[in-house]
N, C-alpha and C. Protein backbone atom coordinates (compact mmCIF):
# COMPACT_ATOMS: atom_id res chain seq x y z
N UNK A 1 -26.77 -9.50 -11.05
CA UNK A 1 -25.35 -9.29 -11.14
C UNK A 1 -25.07 -7.81 -11.42
N UNK A 2 -24.09 -7.26 -10.74
CA UNK A 2 -23.69 -5.86 -10.89
C UNK A 2 -22.91 -5.69 -12.20
N UNK A 3 -23.17 -4.59 -12.89
CA UNK A 3 -22.46 -4.31 -14.14
C UNK A 3 -21.43 -3.20 -13.92
N UNK A 4 -20.42 -3.13 -14.77
CA UNK A 4 -19.48 -2.01 -14.68
C UNK A 4 -20.17 -0.65 -14.77
N UNK A 5 -21.18 -0.55 -15.63
CA UNK A 5 -21.89 0.72 -15.78
C UNK A 5 -22.59 1.13 -14.48
N UNK A 6 -23.17 0.18 -13.77
CA UNK A 6 -23.80 0.49 -12.48
C UNK A 6 -22.79 1.05 -11.50
N UNK A 7 -21.62 0.41 -11.40
CA UNK A 7 -20.58 0.88 -10.49
C UNK A 7 -20.14 2.28 -10.89
N UNK A 8 -19.95 2.48 -12.17
CA UNK A 8 -19.56 3.78 -12.66
C UNK A 8 -20.59 4.82 -12.31
N UNK A 9 -21.86 4.52 -12.49
CA UNK A 9 -22.95 5.45 -12.14
C UNK A 9 -22.96 5.76 -10.66
N UNK A 10 -22.79 4.73 -9.81
CA UNK A 10 -22.81 4.91 -8.36
C UNK A 10 -21.66 5.82 -7.91
N UNK A 11 -20.47 5.61 -8.46
CA UNK A 11 -19.34 6.44 -8.09
C UNK A 11 -19.60 7.88 -8.56
N UNK A 12 -20.00 8.05 -9.81
CA UNK A 12 -20.24 9.37 -10.37
C UNK A 12 -21.30 10.15 -9.60
N UNK A 13 -22.27 9.47 -9.05
CA UNK A 13 -23.35 10.14 -8.30
C UNK A 13 -22.87 10.68 -6.96
N UNK A 14 -21.76 10.15 -6.44
CA UNK A 14 -21.34 10.51 -5.09
C UNK A 14 -19.91 11.03 -4.99
N UNK A 15 -19.22 11.15 -6.13
CA UNK A 15 -17.86 11.63 -6.13
C UNK A 15 -17.62 12.42 -7.43
N UNK A 16 -17.32 13.70 -7.35
CA UNK A 16 -17.08 14.45 -8.58
C UNK A 16 -15.80 13.96 -9.28
N UNK A 17 -15.94 13.52 -10.51
CA UNK A 17 -14.82 12.95 -11.26
C UNK A 17 -14.64 13.71 -12.57
N UNK A 18 -13.39 13.92 -12.94
CA UNK A 18 -13.13 14.49 -14.26
C UNK A 18 -12.95 13.39 -15.31
N UNK A 19 -12.66 12.17 -14.81
CA UNK A 19 -12.61 10.99 -15.68
C UNK A 19 -12.97 9.78 -14.82
N UNK A 20 -13.76 8.90 -15.39
CA UNK A 20 -14.18 7.69 -14.66
C UNK A 20 -14.46 6.59 -15.65
N UNK A 21 -13.82 5.45 -15.47
CA UNK A 21 -14.03 4.30 -16.35
C UNK A 21 -13.99 3.05 -15.49
N UNK A 22 -14.99 2.21 -15.60
CA UNK A 22 -15.05 0.94 -14.88
C UNK A 22 -15.24 -0.19 -15.88
N UNK A 23 -14.42 -1.20 -15.76
CA UNK A 23 -14.53 -2.41 -16.58
C UNK A 23 -14.65 -3.60 -15.63
N UNK A 24 -15.19 -4.70 -16.15
CA UNK A 24 -15.26 -5.91 -15.33
C UNK A 24 -16.16 -6.95 -15.93
N UNK A 25 -16.19 -8.09 -15.26
CA UNK A 25 -16.93 -9.25 -15.76
C UNK A 25 -18.15 -9.61 -14.90
N UNK A 26 -18.51 -8.74 -13.99
CA UNK A 26 -19.64 -9.03 -13.11
C UNK A 26 -19.21 -9.52 -11.73
N UNK A 27 -17.94 -9.96 -11.62
CA UNK A 27 -17.40 -10.42 -10.34
C UNK A 27 -16.17 -9.61 -9.93
N UNK A 28 -15.30 -9.35 -10.88
CA UNK A 28 -14.10 -8.58 -10.65
C UNK A 28 -14.14 -7.33 -11.52
N UNK A 29 -13.81 -6.19 -10.88
CA UNK A 29 -13.92 -4.90 -11.57
C UNK A 29 -12.63 -4.12 -11.43
N UNK A 30 -12.36 -3.31 -12.45
CA UNK A 30 -11.21 -2.40 -12.43
C UNK A 30 -11.73 -1.00 -12.74
N UNK A 31 -11.28 -0.03 -11.97
CA UNK A 31 -11.72 1.35 -12.17
C UNK A 31 -10.54 2.30 -12.25
N UNK A 32 -10.67 3.27 -13.12
CA UNK A 32 -9.77 4.41 -13.17
C UNK A 32 -10.63 5.62 -12.78
N UNK A 33 -10.23 6.27 -11.69
CA UNK A 33 -11.03 7.35 -11.13
C UNK A 33 -10.14 8.57 -10.97
N UNK A 34 -10.50 9.66 -11.63
CA UNK A 34 -9.74 10.91 -11.57
C UNK A 34 -10.61 11.95 -10.93
N UNK A 35 -10.13 12.51 -9.81
CA UNK A 35 -10.92 13.48 -9.08
C UNK A 35 -10.02 14.48 -8.36
N UNK A 36 -10.45 15.75 -8.34
CA UNK A 36 -9.75 16.77 -7.57
C UNK A 36 -9.74 16.45 -6.08
N UNK A 37 -10.73 15.66 -5.63
CA UNK A 37 -10.83 15.32 -4.20
C UNK A 37 -9.66 14.48 -3.70
N UNK A 38 -8.89 13.89 -4.62
CA UNK A 38 -7.76 13.06 -4.23
C UNK A 38 -6.50 13.87 -3.95
N UNK A 39 -6.51 15.16 -4.29
CA UNK A 39 -5.34 15.99 -4.09
C UNK A 39 -4.91 16.01 -2.63
N UNK A 40 -3.65 15.77 -2.39
CA UNK A 40 -3.11 15.79 -1.03
C UNK A 40 -3.44 14.57 -0.19
N UNK A 41 -4.10 13.58 -0.77
CA UNK A 41 -4.49 12.38 -0.02
C UNK A 41 -3.61 11.19 -0.39
N UNK A 42 -3.29 10.39 0.59
CA UNK A 42 -2.55 9.16 0.36
C UNK A 42 -3.48 8.12 -0.28
N UNK A 43 -2.90 7.06 -0.81
CA UNK A 43 -3.67 6.03 -1.52
C UNK A 43 -4.81 5.46 -0.69
N UNK A 44 -4.55 5.16 0.57
CA UNK A 44 -5.60 4.57 1.41
C UNK A 44 -6.77 5.53 1.56
N UNK A 45 -6.51 6.81 1.76
CA UNK A 45 -7.58 7.80 1.91
C UNK A 45 -8.36 7.95 0.61
N UNK A 46 -7.68 7.81 -0.52
CA UNK A 46 -8.36 7.90 -1.81
C UNK A 46 -9.32 6.73 -1.98
N UNK A 47 -8.85 5.53 -1.65
CA UNK A 47 -9.69 4.35 -1.76
C UNK A 47 -10.87 4.43 -0.78
N UNK A 48 -10.61 4.93 0.42
CA UNK A 48 -11.70 5.07 1.38
C UNK A 48 -12.76 6.02 0.86
N UNK A 49 -12.34 7.05 0.14
CA UNK A 49 -13.32 7.99 -0.43
C UNK A 49 -14.19 7.31 -1.48
N UNK A 50 -13.60 6.43 -2.28
CA UNK A 50 -14.37 5.69 -3.27
C UNK A 50 -15.32 4.73 -2.56
N UNK A 51 -14.83 4.04 -1.53
CA UNK A 51 -15.70 3.15 -0.76
C UNK A 51 -16.87 3.91 -0.16
N UNK A 52 -16.60 5.14 0.31
CA UNK A 52 -17.67 5.98 0.85
C UNK A 52 -18.69 6.30 -0.26
N UNK A 53 -18.21 6.58 -1.45
CA UNK A 53 -19.13 6.88 -2.57
C UNK A 53 -20.00 5.68 -2.91
N UNK A 54 -19.45 4.49 -2.75
CA UNK A 54 -20.21 3.26 -3.08
C UNK A 54 -21.09 2.80 -1.92
N UNK A 55 -20.78 3.24 -0.72
CA UNK A 55 -21.58 2.91 0.45
C UNK A 55 -21.71 1.42 0.70
N UNK A 56 -22.87 1.00 1.09
CA UNK A 56 -23.12 -0.39 1.45
C UNK A 56 -22.94 -1.36 0.28
N UNK A 57 -22.98 -0.83 -0.93
CA UNK A 57 -22.81 -1.70 -2.11
C UNK A 57 -21.44 -2.40 -2.09
N UNK A 58 -20.45 -1.73 -1.49
CA UNK A 58 -19.11 -2.31 -1.44
C UNK A 58 -19.11 -3.55 -0.56
N UNK A 59 -19.97 -3.60 0.44
CA UNK A 59 -20.02 -4.75 1.35
C UNK A 59 -20.87 -5.88 0.78
N UNK A 60 -21.91 -5.53 0.04
CA UNK A 60 -22.91 -6.54 -0.35
C UNK A 60 -22.85 -6.92 -1.84
N UNK A 61 -22.69 -5.95 -2.71
CA UNK A 61 -22.86 -6.22 -4.14
C UNK A 61 -21.55 -6.31 -4.92
N UNK A 62 -20.54 -5.61 -4.44
CA UNK A 62 -19.26 -5.56 -5.17
C UNK A 62 -18.22 -6.34 -4.37
N UNK A 63 -17.69 -7.38 -4.97
CA UNK A 63 -16.80 -8.25 -4.23
C UNK A 63 -15.33 -8.00 -4.49
N UNK A 64 -14.98 -7.51 -5.67
CA UNK A 64 -13.57 -7.24 -6.00
C UNK A 64 -13.49 -6.02 -6.90
N UNK A 65 -12.87 -4.95 -6.37
CA UNK A 65 -12.74 -3.73 -7.13
C UNK A 65 -11.30 -3.25 -7.02
N UNK A 66 -10.60 -3.28 -8.12
CA UNK A 66 -9.24 -2.75 -8.22
C UNK A 66 -9.34 -1.31 -8.72
N UNK A 67 -8.59 -0.39 -8.10
CA UNK A 67 -8.74 1.02 -8.44
C UNK A 67 -7.42 1.70 -8.70
N UNK A 68 -7.41 2.57 -9.69
CA UNK A 68 -6.39 3.58 -9.86
C UNK A 68 -7.05 4.89 -9.52
N UNK A 69 -6.60 5.55 -8.48
CA UNK A 69 -7.21 6.81 -8.04
C UNK A 69 -6.17 7.91 -8.26
N UNK A 70 -6.50 8.86 -9.13
CA UNK A 70 -5.55 9.87 -9.56
C UNK A 70 -6.14 11.26 -9.49
N UNK A 71 -5.28 12.25 -9.26
CA UNK A 71 -5.70 13.63 -9.42
C UNK A 71 -5.65 13.95 -10.92
N UNK A 72 -6.30 15.04 -11.34
CA UNK A 72 -6.21 15.40 -12.76
C UNK A 72 -4.77 15.60 -13.24
N UNK A 73 -3.90 16.18 -12.41
CA UNK A 73 -2.49 16.37 -12.80
C UNK A 73 -1.79 15.03 -12.96
N UNK A 74 -2.03 14.09 -12.05
CA UNK A 74 -1.42 12.76 -12.16
C UNK A 74 -1.91 12.03 -13.40
N UNK A 75 -3.19 12.19 -13.71
CA UNK A 75 -3.79 11.56 -14.90
C UNK A 75 -3.15 12.11 -16.17
N UNK A 76 -2.99 13.43 -16.24
CA UNK A 76 -2.34 14.04 -17.41
C UNK A 76 -0.90 13.57 -17.56
N UNK A 77 -0.16 13.50 -16.46
CA UNK A 77 1.22 13.03 -16.51
C UNK A 77 1.31 11.58 -16.95
N UNK A 78 0.37 10.77 -16.50
CA UNK A 78 0.36 9.34 -16.87
C UNK A 78 0.07 9.17 -18.35
N UNK A 79 -0.84 9.95 -18.87
CA UNK A 79 -1.24 9.86 -20.28
C UNK A 79 -0.15 10.40 -21.18
N UNK A 80 0.75 11.20 -20.62
CA UNK A 80 1.91 11.67 -21.35
C UNK A 80 1.62 12.66 -22.38
């Protein structure tokens, strides 16, 4: 069974993040991903970038991943 820490490690290894947190129960996962790479990108392109970072794991090992993909400025504004 895949753990939240494994997903977090896989994303971090392939996408530079200023903040990254993954939670989940082994079947359903939620991630907050903050990266400069998301600047100027629409939501779909941001998610595609995360899928690229996860590679084949997204097809075989990870079945449900909900994501908040934010730039550092968006993250700071959200945190208030």
